[in-house]
Amino acid sequence: MTAPIAASTSTPLERDARLVNAREHRVAPGEIAIGVIVGRTSESFDFFVYALASVLVFPTLVFPYADPLTATLYAFALFPLAWVGRPFGTMLFQWIDRHYGRGVKLTIALFLLGGSTMAIALLPSHAQVGALSAVLLAVFRTGQGVALGGTWDGLPSLLTLNTPKERRGWYAMIPQLGSPLGLIVAAGLFAYFLSILSREDFLSWGWR
């Protein structure tokens, strides 16, 4: 049972990378910080895209049988599922981290986060599959939360462990820039599509 685990763990690679950096003294915290900000921005982008779609898209496509206000409230009711799934994701990915390493943990978590967001983008409407549309939306939203439970601590800790000790506090706060950047990118994306498409074209082309 130990051989498959050893073969699939990223811990030896992480250890070798630390040894190379320590030996050659070429740790570049700024380059690591850029990668971490990009990763954290993508996480926040996924969440803010869902938030904006809860107002602009889901009431029409997933809950068309309700009046606009009620449909929006239905969409908002699914919004907290990500935070319900997040602690379960933290426990799951902590186990993966302990057994397979931080690299495997982050890879799986980021793929799950991006995959859940892509699945939401390809979500069939209520007109196509009926109530299953809302069920799938709830599942994919929960998947976003589970994935965030695995990525939230991974990227900041990755940066902190590869920066000079005297500046770890400074670099540890940098990943928080991803949240406003993710909001800017998500809002800009929706603003762009809504500026070049009519609402009917936006809903039929972008989300069906």
N, C-alpha and C. Protein backbone atom coordinates (compact mmCIF):
# COMPACT_ATOMS: atom_id res chain seq x y z
N MET A 1 0.82 -1.22 0.00
CA MET A 1 0.00 0.00 0.00
C MET A 1 0.85 1.27 0.00
N THR A 2 2.09 1.19 0.45
CA THR A 2 2.91 2.39 0.54
C THR A 2 3.50 2.80 -0.80
N ALA A 3 3.71 1.83 -1.71
CA ALA A 3 4.35 2.15 -2.98
C ALA A 3 3.53 3.10 -3.84
N PRO A 4 2.19 2.86 -4.03
CA PRO A 4 1.42 3.78 -4.84
C PRO A 4 1.39 5.19 -4.26
N ILE A 5 1.30 5.27 -2.93
CA ILE A 5 1.27 6.59 -2.31
C ILE A 5 2.57 7.32 -2.54
N ALA A 6 3.68 6.61 -2.36
CA ALA A 6 4.98 7.23 -2.55
C ALA A 6 5.18 7.69 -3.98
N ALA A 7 4.63 6.92 -4.93
CA ALA A 7 4.80 7.24 -6.33
C ALA A 7 3.99 8.46 -6.74
N SER A 8 2.89 8.71 -6.04
CA SER A 8 2.00 9.80 -6.45
C SER A 8 2.13 11.04 -5.59
N THR A 9 2.95 11.03 -4.58
CA THR A 9 3.08 12.18 -3.71
C THR A 9 4.01 13.22 -4.32
N SER A 10 3.74 14.49 -4.04
CA SER A 10 4.59 15.58 -4.53
C SER A 10 5.60 16.02 -3.48
N THR A 11 5.59 15.42 -2.31
CA THR A 11 6.48 15.85 -1.24
C THR A 11 7.95 15.78 -1.62
N PRO A 12 8.45 14.69 -2.25
CA PRO A 12 9.87 14.68 -2.65
C PRO A 12 10.22 15.82 -3.61
N LEU A 13 9.33 16.16 -4.53
CA LEU A 13 9.59 17.25 -5.45
C LEU A 13 9.67 18.58 -4.71
N GLU A 14 8.78 18.77 -3.74
CA GLU A 14 8.81 20.01 -2.96
C GLU A 14 10.10 20.09 -2.16
N ARG A 15 10.52 18.96 -1.59
CA ARG A 15 11.76 18.95 -0.81
C ARG A 15 12.96 19.25 -1.71
N ASP A 16 12.99 18.65 -2.90
CA ASP A 16 14.10 18.90 -3.81
C ASP A 16 14.14 20.37 -4.24
N ALA A 17 12.97 20.96 -4.47
CA ALA A 17 12.92 22.37 -4.87
C ALA A 17 13.48 23.26 -3.77
N ARG A 18 13.13 22.95 -2.52
CA ARG A 18 13.66 23.75 -1.41
C ARG A 18 15.17 23.60 -1.30
N LEU A 19 15.67 22.39 -1.52
CA LEU A 19 17.12 22.18 -1.45
C LEU A 19 17.86 22.94 -2.54
N VAL A 20 17.30 22.93 -3.75
CA VAL A 20 17.93 23.66 -4.85
C VAL A 20 17.95 25.15 -4.56
N ASN A 21 16.82 25.67 -4.10
CA ASN A 21 16.77 27.09 -3.79
C ASN A 21 17.73 27.47 -2.68
N ALA A 22 17.81 26.61 -1.66
CA ALA A 22 18.70 26.89 -0.54
C ALA A 22 20.16 26.83 -0.97
N ARG A 23 20.48 25.90 -1.87
CA ARG A 23 21.87 25.73 -2.30
C ARG A 23 22.30 26.84 -3.23
N GLU A 24 21.44 27.23 -4.15
CA GLU A 24 21.80 28.22 -5.15
C GLU A 24 21.44 29.65 -4.75
N HIS A 25 20.70 29.80 -3.67
CA HIS A 25 20.34 31.13 -3.15
C HIS A 25 19.66 31.97 -4.23
N ARG A 26 18.71 31.36 -4.92
CA ARG A 26 18.04 32.07 -5.99
C ARG A 26 16.53 32.13 -5.78
N VAL A 27 16.11 32.17 -4.55
CA VAL A 27 14.69 32.31 -4.27
C VAL A 27 14.22 33.69 -4.74
N ALA A 28 13.20 33.72 -5.55
CA ALA A 28 12.67 34.98 -6.07
C ALA A 28 11.25 35.17 -5.55
N PRO A 29 11.10 35.75 -4.37
CA PRO A 29 9.76 35.90 -3.79
C PRO A 29 8.80 36.68 -4.67
N GLY A 30 9.34 37.67 -5.41
CA GLY A 30 8.47 38.46 -6.26
C GLY A 30 7.82 37.62 -7.35
N GLU A 31 8.60 36.71 -7.94
CA GLU A 31 8.04 35.85 -8.98
C GLU A 31 7.00 34.90 -8.41
N ILE A 32 7.29 34.36 -7.21
CA ILE A 32 6.31 33.49 -6.56
C ILE A 32 5.05 34.27 -6.23
N ALA A 33 5.22 35.52 -5.78
CA ALA A 33 4.07 36.34 -5.41
C ALA A 33 3.16 36.59 -6.61
N ILE A 34 3.75 36.81 -7.79
CA ILE A 34 2.94 37.03 -8.99
C ILE A 34 2.08 35.81 -9.28
N GLY A 35 2.70 34.62 -9.21
CA GLY A 35 1.94 33.40 -9.45
C GLY A 35 0.83 33.19 -8.44
N VAL A 36 1.12 33.51 -7.18
CA VAL A 36 0.11 33.36 -6.13
C VAL A 36 -1.03 34.35 -6.32
N ILE A 37 -0.72 35.59 -6.70
CA ILE A 37 -1.78 36.57 -6.95
C ILE A 37 -2.66 36.13 -8.11
N VAL A 38 -2.04 35.59 -9.15
CA VAL A 38 -2.82 35.10 -10.30
C VAL A 38 -3.75 33.97 -9.85
N GLY A 39 -3.20 33.05 -9.05
CA GLY A 39 -4.02 31.94 -8.56
C GLY A 39 -5.16 32.41 -7.68
N ARG A 40 -4.88 33.32 -6.76
CA ARG A 40 -5.92 33.82 -5.86
C ARG A 40 -6.94 34.66 -6.63
N THR A 41 -6.49 35.39 -7.65
CA THR A 41 -7.41 36.15 -8.47
C THR A 41 -8.38 35.23 -9.20
N SER A 42 -7.86 34.10 -9.70
CA SER A 42 -8.73 33.15 -10.39
C SER A 42 -9.76 32.55 -9.43
N GLU A 43 -9.36 32.31 -8.19
CA GLU A 43 -10.31 31.80 -7.20
C GLU A 43 -11.44 32.81 -6.97
N SER A 44 -11.06 34.06 -6.73
CA SER A 44 -12.06 35.09 -6.46
C SER A 44 -12.92 35.34 -7.69
N PHE A 45 -12.31 35.27 -8.87
CA PHE A 45 -13.06 35.45 -10.11
C PHE A 45 -14.19 34.44 -10.20
N ASP A 46 -13.89 33.18 -9.88
CA ASP A 46 -14.92 32.14 -9.93
C ASP A 46 -16.10 32.48 -9.02
N PHE A 47 -15.80 32.98 -7.83
CA PHE A 47 -16.86 33.28 -6.88
C PHE A 47 -17.65 34.51 -7.29
N PHE A 48 -16.98 35.55 -7.78
CA PHE A 48 -17.68 36.77 -8.15
C PHE A 48 -18.49 36.59 -9.43
N VAL A 49 -18.02 35.75 -10.34
CA VAL A 49 -18.81 35.44 -11.53
C VAL A 49 -20.13 34.81 -11.11
N TYR A 50 -20.07 33.89 -10.16
CA TYR A 50 -21.30 33.26 -9.67
C TYR A 50 -22.22 34.31 -9.04
N ALA A 51 -21.64 35.21 -8.25
CA ALA A 51 -22.46 36.22 -7.57
C ALA A 51 -23.18 37.11 -8.58
N LEU A 52 -22.47 37.54 -9.61
CA LEU A 52 -23.08 38.39 -10.62
C LEU A 52 -24.12 37.62 -11.43
N ALA A 53 -23.82 36.36 -11.73
CA ALA A 53 -24.78 35.55 -12.48
C ALA A 53 -26.04 35.28 -11.67
N SER A 54 -25.93 35.29 -10.34
CA SER A 54 -27.11 35.08 -9.50
C SER A 54 -28.14 36.18 -9.69
N VAL A 55 -27.70 37.34 -10.14
CA VAL A 55 -28.62 38.45 -10.39
C VAL A 55 -28.99 38.56 -11.87
N LEU A 56 -28.02 38.34 -12.74
CA LEU A 56 -28.22 38.62 -14.16
C LEU A 56 -28.67 37.41 -14.98
N VAL A 57 -28.36 36.20 -14.52
CA VAL A 57 -28.55 35.02 -15.37
C VAL A 57 -29.47 33.99 -14.75
N PHE A 58 -29.15 33.53 -13.56
CA PHE A 58 -29.87 32.39 -12.98
C PHE A 58 -31.36 32.62 -12.78
N PRO A 59 -31.80 33.81 -12.37
CA PRO A 59 -33.26 33.99 -12.22
C PRO A 59 -34.03 33.72 -13.50
N THR A 60 -33.44 34.05 -14.64
CA THR A 60 -34.13 33.88 -15.91
C THR A 60 -34.02 32.45 -16.44
N LEU A 61 -32.83 31.86 -16.33
CA LEU A 61 -32.59 30.56 -16.95
C LEU A 61 -32.89 29.38 -16.04
N VAL A 62 -32.66 29.52 -14.75
CA VAL A 62 -32.82 28.39 -13.83
C VAL A 62 -34.16 28.45 -13.11
N PHE A 63 -34.67 29.66 -12.85
CA PHE A 63 -35.93 29.81 -12.13
C PHE A 63 -36.93 30.65 -12.92
N PRO A 64 -37.20 30.31 -14.16
CA PRO A 64 -38.08 31.15 -14.99
C PRO A 64 -39.55 31.08 -14.57
N TYR A 65 -39.89 30.10 -13.75
CA TYR A 65 -41.29 29.91 -13.35
C TYR A 65 -41.70 30.86 -12.22
N ALA A 66 -40.75 31.55 -11.62
CA ALA A 66 -41.04 32.47 -10.52
C ALA A 66 -40.96 33.91 -11.01
N ASP A 67 -41.58 34.81 -10.25
CA ASP A 67 -41.46 36.22 -10.60
C ASP A 67 -40.02 36.67 -10.36
N PRO A 68 -39.57 37.78 -10.98
CA PRO A 68 -38.15 38.17 -10.92
C PRO A 68 -37.58 38.26 -9.51
N LEU A 69 -38.32 38.85 -8.56
CA LEU A 69 -37.81 38.98 -7.20
C LEU A 69 -37.64 37.61 -6.55
N THR A 70 -38.66 36.76 -6.65
CA THR A 70 -38.59 35.43 -6.04
C THR A 70 -37.49 34.60 -6.70
N ALA A 71 -37.35 34.70 -8.01
CA ALA A 71 -36.30 33.94 -8.71
C ALA A 71 -34.92 34.37 -8.25
N THR A 72 -34.75 35.67 -8.04
CA THR A 72 -33.46 36.16 -7.54
C THR A 72 -33.19 35.65 -6.13
N LEU A 73 -34.21 35.61 -5.29
CA LEU A 73 -34.04 35.08 -3.94
C LEU A 73 -33.71 33.59 -3.97
N TYR A 74 -34.29 32.85 -4.92
CA TYR A 74 -33.94 31.44 -5.08
C TYR A 74 -32.46 31.29 -5.44
N ALA A 75 -32.00 32.14 -6.35
CA ALA A 75 -30.59 32.09 -6.74
C ALA A 75 -29.69 32.43 -5.56
N PHE A 76 -30.09 33.43 -4.77
CA PHE A 76 -29.30 33.80 -3.59
C PHE A 76 -29.32 32.69 -2.54
N ALA A 77 -30.40 31.91 -2.50
CA ALA A 77 -30.48 30.83 -1.52
C ALA A 77 -29.43 29.76 -1.77
N LEU A 78 -29.01 29.60 -3.02
CA LEU A 78 -27.96 28.64 -3.35
C LEU A 78 -26.57 29.21 -3.13
N PHE A 79 -26.48 30.52 -3.01
CA PHE A 79 -25.18 31.19 -2.88
C PHE A 79 -24.36 30.68 -1.68
N PRO A 80 -24.96 30.51 -0.47
CA PRO A 80 -24.16 30.10 0.70
C PRO A 80 -23.67 28.66 0.66
N LEU A 81 -24.10 27.86 -0.32
CA LEU A 81 -23.67 26.46 -0.36
C LEU A 81 -22.16 26.33 -0.44
N ALA A 82 -21.51 27.32 -1.05
CA ALA A 82 -20.05 27.27 -1.13
C ALA A 82 -19.41 27.33 0.26
N TRP A 83 -20.00 28.12 1.14
CA TRP A 83 -19.45 28.23 2.50
C TRP A 83 -19.82 27.01 3.34
N VAL A 84 -20.91 26.34 3.00
CA VAL A 84 -21.23 25.09 3.67
C VAL A 84 -20.22 24.01 3.28
N GLY A 85 -19.84 23.99 2.00
CA GLY A 85 -18.89 22.98 1.55
C GLY A 85 -17.45 23.27 1.90
N ARG A 86 -17.16 24.51 2.21
CA ARG A 86 -15.75 24.89 2.44
C ARG A 86 -15.08 24.14 3.59
N PRO A 87 -15.68 24.02 4.79
CA PRO A 87 -14.99 23.28 5.86
C PRO A 87 -14.78 21.81 5.52
N PHE A 88 -15.71 21.21 4.77
CA PHE A 88 -15.52 19.83 4.35
C PHE A 88 -14.35 19.73 3.36
N GLY A 89 -14.24 20.74 2.50
CA GLY A 89 -13.11 20.77 1.59
C GLY A 89 -11.79 20.92 2.32
N THR A 90 -11.80 21.73 3.38
CA THR A 90 -10.57 21.91 4.17
C THR A 90 -10.13 20.58 4.78
N MET A 91 -11.07 19.84 5.35
CA MET A 91 -10.72 18.54 5.95
C MET A 91 -10.24 17.56 4.89
N LEU A 92 -10.91 17.53 3.75
CA LEU A 92 -10.52 16.61 2.68
C LEU A 92 -9.13 16.93 2.16
N PHE A 93 -8.87 18.19 1.88
CA PHE A 93 -7.59 18.55 1.28
C PHE A 93 -6.45 18.57 2.30
N GLN A 94 -6.76 18.71 3.57
CA GLN A 94 -5.71 18.52 4.58
C GLN A 94 -5.24 17.07 4.59
N TRP A 95 -6.19 16.16 4.42
CA TRP A 95 -5.82 14.74 4.35
C TRP A 95 -4.97 14.49 3.11
N ILE A 96 -5.35 15.07 1.98
CA ILE A 96 -4.56 14.92 0.76
C ILE A 96 -3.17 15.51 0.94
N ASP A 97 -3.10 16.65 1.60
CA ASP A 97 -1.81 17.30 1.85
C ASP A 97 -0.89 16.40 2.68
N ARG A 98 -1.44 15.82 3.72
CA ARG A 98 -0.63 14.97 4.60
C ARG A 98 -0.12 13.72 3.88
N HIS A 99 -0.93 13.16 2.99
CA HIS A 99 -0.58 11.88 2.37
C HIS A 99 0.11 12.03 1.02
N TYR A 100 -0.18 13.12 0.31
CA TYR A 100 0.33 13.24 -1.06
C TYR A 100 1.12 14.52 -1.32
N GLY A 101 1.11 15.45 -0.38
CA GLY A 101 1.90 16.66 -0.55
C GLY A 101 1.08 17.86 -0.99
N ARG A 102 1.66 19.05 -0.77
CA ARG A 102 0.95 20.30 -1.06
C ARG A 102 0.72 20.47 -2.56
N GLY A 103 1.66 20.02 -3.38
CA GLY A 103 1.51 20.17 -4.83
C GLY A 103 0.30 19.43 -5.36
N VAL A 104 0.13 18.18 -4.93
CA VAL A 104 -1.04 17.40 -5.35
C VAL A 104 -2.31 18.04 -4.84
N LYS A 105 -2.28 18.49 -3.60
CA LYS A 105 -3.46 19.12 -3.00
C LYS A 105 -3.90 20.34 -3.81
N LEU A 106 -2.96 21.24 -4.12
CA LEU A 106 -3.32 22.45 -4.86
C LEU A 106 -3.77 22.14 -6.28
N THR A 107 -3.13 21.17 -6.91
CA THR A 107 -3.50 20.81 -8.28
C THR A 107 -4.94 20.31 -8.33
N ILE A 108 -5.29 19.39 -7.43
CA ILE A 108 -6.65 18.85 -7.41
C ILE A 108 -7.66 19.95 -7.07
N ALA A 109 -7.34 20.77 -6.08
CA ALA A 109 -8.27 21.81 -5.65
C ALA A 109 -8.52 22.83 -6.75
N LEU A 110 -7.47 23.26 -7.45
CA LEU A 110 -7.64 24.25 -8.52
C LEU A 110 -8.41 23.67 -9.70
N PHE A 111 -8.16 22.40 -10.02
CA PHE A 111 -8.92 21.77 -11.09
C PHE A 111 -10.39 21.64 -10.71
N LEU A 112 -10.67 21.31 -9.44
CA LEU A 112 -12.05 21.20 -8.99
C LEU A 112 -12.74 22.55 -9.04
N LEU A 113 -12.03 23.60 -8.62
CA LEU A 113 -12.61 24.95 -8.64
C LEU A 113 -12.90 25.39 -10.06
N GLY A 114 -11.92 25.26 -10.94
CA GLY A 114 -12.14 25.66 -12.32
C GLY A 114 -13.17 24.80 -13.02
N GLY A 115 -13.16 23.50 -12.73
CA GLY A 115 -14.14 22.60 -13.34
C GLY A 115 -15.55 22.90 -12.90
N SER A 116 -15.73 23.24 -11.62
CA SER A 116 -17.07 23.59 -11.13
C SER A 116 -17.58 24.85 -11.80
N THR A 117 -16.69 25.84 -11.95
CA THR A 117 -17.10 27.08 -12.60
C THR A 117 -17.43 26.85 -14.07
N MET A 118 -16.63 26.03 -14.75
CA MET A 118 -16.93 25.72 -16.15
C MET A 118 -18.25 24.97 -16.28
N ALA A 119 -18.50 24.06 -15.33
CA ALA A 119 -19.77 23.33 -15.36
C ALA A 119 -20.95 24.27 -15.18
N ILE A 120 -20.80 25.29 -14.34
CA ILE A 120 -21.87 26.27 -14.16
C ILE A 120 -22.09 27.05 -15.47
N ALA A 121 -20.99 27.37 -16.16
CA ALA A 121 -21.10 28.08 -17.43
C ALA A 121 -21.85 27.26 -18.47
N LEU A 122 -21.72 25.93 -18.40
CA LEU A 122 -22.38 25.04 -19.36
C LEU A 122 -23.68 24.46 -18.82
N LEU A 123 -24.17 25.02 -17.73
CA LEU A 123 -25.36 24.50 -17.07
C LEU A 123 -26.57 24.54 -18.00
N PRO A 124 -27.30 23.43 -18.16
CA PRO A 124 -28.53 23.47 -18.96
C PRO A 124 -29.61 24.27 -18.24
N SER A 125 -30.43 24.94 -18.99
CA SER A 125 -31.47 25.78 -18.41
C SER A 125 -32.66 24.95 -17.95
N HIS A 126 -33.58 25.62 -17.24
CA HIS A 126 -34.80 24.95 -16.78
C HIS A 126 -35.64 24.50 -17.97
N ALA A 127 -35.60 25.26 -19.05
CA ALA A 127 -36.37 24.88 -20.23
C ALA A 127 -35.87 23.58 -20.85
N GLN A 128 -34.61 23.24 -20.59
CA GLN A 128 -34.02 22.04 -21.18
C GLN A 128 -34.17 20.81 -20.29
N VAL A 129 -33.93 20.97 -18.99
CA VAL A 129 -33.91 19.80 -18.10
C VAL A 129 -34.83 19.95 -16.90
N GLY A 130 -35.58 21.03 -16.82
CA GLY A 130 -36.50 21.21 -15.71
C GLY A 130 -35.80 21.50 -14.39
N ALA A 131 -36.33 20.95 -13.30
CA ALA A 131 -35.81 21.22 -11.96
C ALA A 131 -34.38 20.71 -11.77
N LEU A 132 -33.94 19.80 -12.64
CA LEU A 132 -32.57 19.30 -12.55
C LEU A 132 -31.56 20.43 -12.72
N SER A 133 -31.93 21.47 -13.41
CA SER A 133 -31.03 22.60 -13.60
C SER A 133 -30.64 23.22 -12.26
N ALA A 134 -31.62 23.43 -11.38
CA ALA A 134 -31.34 23.99 -10.05
C ALA A 134 -30.53 23.03 -9.20
N VAL A 135 -30.81 21.73 -9.32
CA VAL A 135 -30.05 20.73 -8.56
C VAL A 135 -28.58 20.73 -8.98
N LEU A 136 -28.35 20.76 -10.28
CA LEU A 136 -26.97 20.79 -10.78
C LEU A 136 -26.26 22.08 -10.35
N LEU A 137 -26.98 23.19 -10.38
CA LEU A 137 -26.38 24.45 -9.94
C LEU A 137 -25.95 24.36 -8.49
N ALA A 138 -26.78 23.75 -7.65
CA ALA A 138 -26.43 23.59 -6.23
C ALA A 138 -25.21 22.69 -6.07
N VAL A 139 -25.13 21.63 -6.85
CA VAL A 139 -23.98 20.71 -6.76
C VAL A 139 -22.70 21.42 -7.17
N PHE A 140 -22.74 22.14 -8.28
CA PHE A 140 -21.54 22.81 -8.76
C PHE A 140 -21.13 23.95 -7.83
N ARG A 141 -22.11 24.63 -7.24
CA ARG A 141 -21.78 25.69 -6.29
C ARG A 141 -21.10 25.11 -5.06
N THR A 142 -21.60 23.98 -4.60
CA THR A 142 -20.95 23.30 -3.47
C THR A 142 -19.53 22.87 -3.85
N GLY A 143 -19.35 22.42 -5.09
CA GLY A 143 -18.02 22.05 -5.56
C GLY A 143 -17.05 23.21 -5.50
N GLN A 144 -17.53 24.41 -5.81
CA GLN A 144 -16.67 25.59 -5.69
C GLN A 144 -16.20 25.78 -4.25
N GLY A 145 -17.13 25.59 -3.31
CA GLY A 145 -16.77 25.77 -1.90
C GLY A 145 -15.80 24.73 -1.41
N VAL A 146 -16.03 23.47 -1.79
CA VAL A 146 -15.11 22.39 -1.40
C VAL A 146 -13.71 22.68 -1.93
N ALA A 147 -13.63 23.13 -3.18
CA ALA A 147 -12.33 23.42 -3.77
C ALA A 147 -11.64 24.58 -3.06
N LEU A 148 -12.42 25.62 -2.71
CA LEU A 148 -11.82 26.77 -2.03
C LEU A 148 -11.26 26.36 -0.68
N GLY A 149 -11.89 25.38 -0.03
CA GLY A 149 -11.35 24.89 1.23
C GLY A 149 -9.95 24.31 1.08
N GLY A 150 -9.63 23.84 -0.12
CA GLY A 150 -8.30 23.29 -0.36
C GLY A 150 -7.28 24.30 -0.83
N THR A 151 -7.74 25.38 -1.48
CA THR A 151 -6.80 26.35 -2.03
C THR A 151 -6.54 27.54 -1.12
N TRP A 152 -7.46 27.81 -0.20
CA TRP A 152 -7.39 29.07 0.55
C TRP A 152 -6.09 29.20 1.33
N ASP A 153 -5.68 28.15 2.02
CA ASP A 153 -4.45 28.24 2.81
C ASP A 153 -3.23 27.83 2.01
N GLY A 154 -3.42 27.09 0.92
CA GLY A 154 -2.28 26.54 0.19
C GLY A 154 -1.42 27.58 -0.48
N LEU A 155 -2.05 28.52 -1.20
CA LEU A 155 -1.28 29.51 -1.92
C LEU A 155 -0.54 30.48 -0.99
N PRO A 156 -1.19 31.05 0.03
CA PRO A 156 -0.44 31.91 0.95
C PRO A 156 0.70 31.18 1.66
N SER A 157 0.46 29.94 2.08
CA SER A 157 1.53 29.20 2.77
C SER A 157 2.66 28.89 1.81
N LEU A 158 2.35 28.62 0.54
CA LEU A 158 3.39 28.38 -0.45
C LEU A 158 4.29 29.60 -0.60
N LEU A 159 3.68 30.77 -0.62
CA LEU A 159 4.46 32.01 -0.72
C LEU A 159 5.25 32.26 0.54
N THR A 160 4.62 32.09 1.69
CA THR A 160 5.28 32.38 2.96
C THR A 160 6.50 31.49 3.19
N LEU A 161 6.41 30.23 2.80
CA LEU A 161 7.51 29.29 3.01
C LEU A 161 8.67 29.51 2.06
N ASN A 162 8.48 30.33 1.04
CA ASN A 162 9.55 30.56 0.07
C ASN A 162 9.99 32.01 0.02
N THR A 163 9.84 32.70 1.13
CA THR A 163 10.27 34.09 1.23
C THR A 163 11.22 34.26 2.41
N PRO A 164 12.03 35.31 2.42
CA PRO A 164 12.94 35.54 3.56
C PRO A 164 12.16 35.69 4.86
N LYS A 165 12.72 35.16 5.93
CA LYS A 165 12.02 35.16 7.20
C LYS A 165 11.65 36.57 7.65
N GLU A 166 12.53 37.54 7.41
CA GLU A 166 12.27 38.89 7.89
C GLU A 166 11.15 39.60 7.12
N ARG A 167 10.69 39.02 6.00
CA ARG A 167 9.64 39.67 5.21
C ARG A 167 8.43 38.76 5.01
N ARG A 168 8.32 37.73 5.79
CA ARG A 168 7.22 36.79 5.60
C ARG A 168 5.86 37.43 5.86
N GLY A 169 5.79 38.30 6.83
CA GLY A 169 4.52 38.97 7.11
C GLY A 169 4.06 39.81 5.93
N TRP A 170 5.00 40.51 5.29
CA TRP A 170 4.67 41.35 4.14
C TRP A 170 4.16 40.49 2.99
N TYR A 171 4.87 39.43 2.67
CA TYR A 171 4.48 38.59 1.55
C TYR A 171 3.21 37.77 1.84
N ALA A 172 2.97 37.49 3.12
CA ALA A 172 1.78 36.72 3.48
C ALA A 172 0.49 37.49 3.22
N MET A 173 0.58 38.82 3.21
CA MET A 173 -0.64 39.61 2.97
C MET A 173 -0.90 39.83 1.49
N ILE A 174 0.10 39.58 0.63
CA ILE A 174 -0.05 39.84 -0.80
C ILE A 174 -1.18 39.03 -1.44
N PRO A 175 -1.37 37.74 -1.09
CA PRO A 175 -2.46 36.98 -1.73
C PRO A 175 -3.84 37.60 -1.59
N GLN A 176 -4.03 38.45 -0.56
CA GLN A 176 -5.34 39.06 -0.38
C GLN A 176 -5.69 40.05 -1.50
N LEU A 177 -4.69 40.44 -2.29
CA LEU A 177 -4.97 41.31 -3.43
C LEU A 177 -5.81 40.59 -4.48
N GLY A 178 -5.82 39.26 -4.43
CA GLY A 178 -6.57 38.50 -5.42
C GLY A 178 -8.06 38.76 -5.37
N SER A 179 -8.60 39.05 -4.19
CA SER A 179 -10.04 39.26 -4.06
C SER A 179 -10.52 40.49 -4.83
N PRO A 180 -9.96 41.68 -4.61
CA PRO A 180 -10.42 42.83 -5.41
C PRO A 180 -10.10 42.69 -6.89
N LEU A 181 -8.98 42.07 -7.21
CA LEU A 181 -8.64 41.87 -8.62
C LEU A 181 -9.64 40.92 -9.29
N GLY A 182 -10.03 39.87 -8.57
CA GLY A 182 -11.03 38.95 -9.10
C GLY A 182 -12.36 39.63 -9.35
N LEU A 183 -12.75 40.52 -8.43
CA LEU A 183 -14.00 41.28 -8.61
C LEU A 183 -13.91 42.18 -9.83
N ILE A 184 -12.79 42.84 -10.01
CA ILE A 184 -12.62 43.74 -11.15
C ILE A 184 -12.72 42.96 -12.47
N VAL A 185 -12.05 41.81 -12.53
CA VAL A 185 -12.07 41.01 -13.76
C VAL A 185 -13.47 40.48 -14.04
N ALA A 186 -14.14 39.96 -13.01
CA ALA A 186 -15.49 39.41 -13.20
C ALA A 186 -16.47 40.50 -13.62
N ALA A 187 -16.43 41.64 -12.93
CA ALA A 187 -17.34 42.74 -13.28
C ALA A 187 -17.03 43.27 -14.67
N GLY A 188 -15.75 43.35 -15.01
CA GLY A 188 -15.38 43.82 -16.34
C GLY A 188 -15.85 42.88 -17.43
N LEU A 189 -15.79 41.57 -17.18
CA LEU A 189 -16.25 40.59 -18.16
C LEU A 189 -17.75 40.73 -18.42
N PHE A 190 -18.54 40.81 -17.35
CA PHE A 190 -19.98 40.97 -17.52
C PHE A 190 -20.30 42.31 -18.18
N ALA A 191 -19.60 43.36 -17.79
CA ALA A 191 -19.85 44.67 -18.38
C ALA A 191 -19.55 44.66 -19.87
N TYR A 192 -18.51 43.95 -20.27
CA TYR A 192 -18.15 43.87 -21.68
C TYR A 192 -19.23 43.16 -22.48
N PHE A 193 -19.66 42.00 -22.01
CA PHE A 193 -20.67 41.25 -22.75
C PHE A 193 -22.00 41.99 -22.81
N LEU A 194 -22.38 42.62 -21.70
CA LEU A 194 -23.64 43.34 -21.69
C LEU A 194 -23.59 44.60 -22.55
N SER A 195 -22.39 45.11 -22.78
CA SER A 195 -22.27 46.31 -23.61
C SER A 195 -22.32 46.00 -25.10
N ILE A 196 -21.94 44.78 -25.49
CA ILE A 196 -21.92 44.45 -26.91
C ILE A 196 -23.09 43.56 -27.33
N LEU A 197 -23.83 43.01 -26.34
CA LEU A 197 -24.94 42.12 -26.64
C LEU A 197 -26.22 42.65 -26.00
N SER A 198 -27.33 42.39 -26.65
CA SER A 198 -28.61 42.65 -25.99
C SER A 198 -28.80 41.61 -24.89
N ARG A 199 -29.73 41.88 -23.99
CA ARG A 199 -29.95 40.93 -22.90
C ARG A 199 -30.38 39.56 -23.43
N GLU A 200 -31.20 39.56 -24.48
CA GLU A 200 -31.65 38.29 -25.06
C GLU A 200 -30.47 37.52 -25.66
N ASP A 201 -29.62 38.23 -26.39
CA ASP A 201 -28.45 37.57 -26.98
C ASP A 201 -27.48 37.12 -25.90
N PHE A 202 -27.34 37.93 -24.86
CA PHE A 202 -26.43 37.57 -23.77
C PHE A 202 -26.86 36.26 -23.12
N LEU A 203 -28.14 36.12 -22.85
CA LEU A 203 -28.63 34.92 -22.19
C LEU A 203 -28.61 33.70 -23.12
N SER A 204 -28.94 33.90 -24.38
CA SER A 204 -29.01 32.76 -25.29
C SER A 204 -27.64 32.34 -25.78
N TRP A 205 -26.72 33.30 -25.98
CA TRP A 205 -25.40 32.97 -26.50
C TRP A 205 -24.42 32.59 -25.41
N GLY A 206 -24.46 33.32 -24.30
CA GLY A 206 -23.43 33.12 -23.28
C GLY A 206 -23.71 32.01 -22.31
N TRP A 207 -24.99 31.60 -22.15
CA TRP A 207 -25.30 30.70 -21.06
C TRP A 207 -26.14 29.50 -21.47
N ARG A 208 -26.29 29.24 -22.76
CA ARG A 208 -27.05 28.06 -23.18
C ARG A 208 -26.24 27.24 -24.15
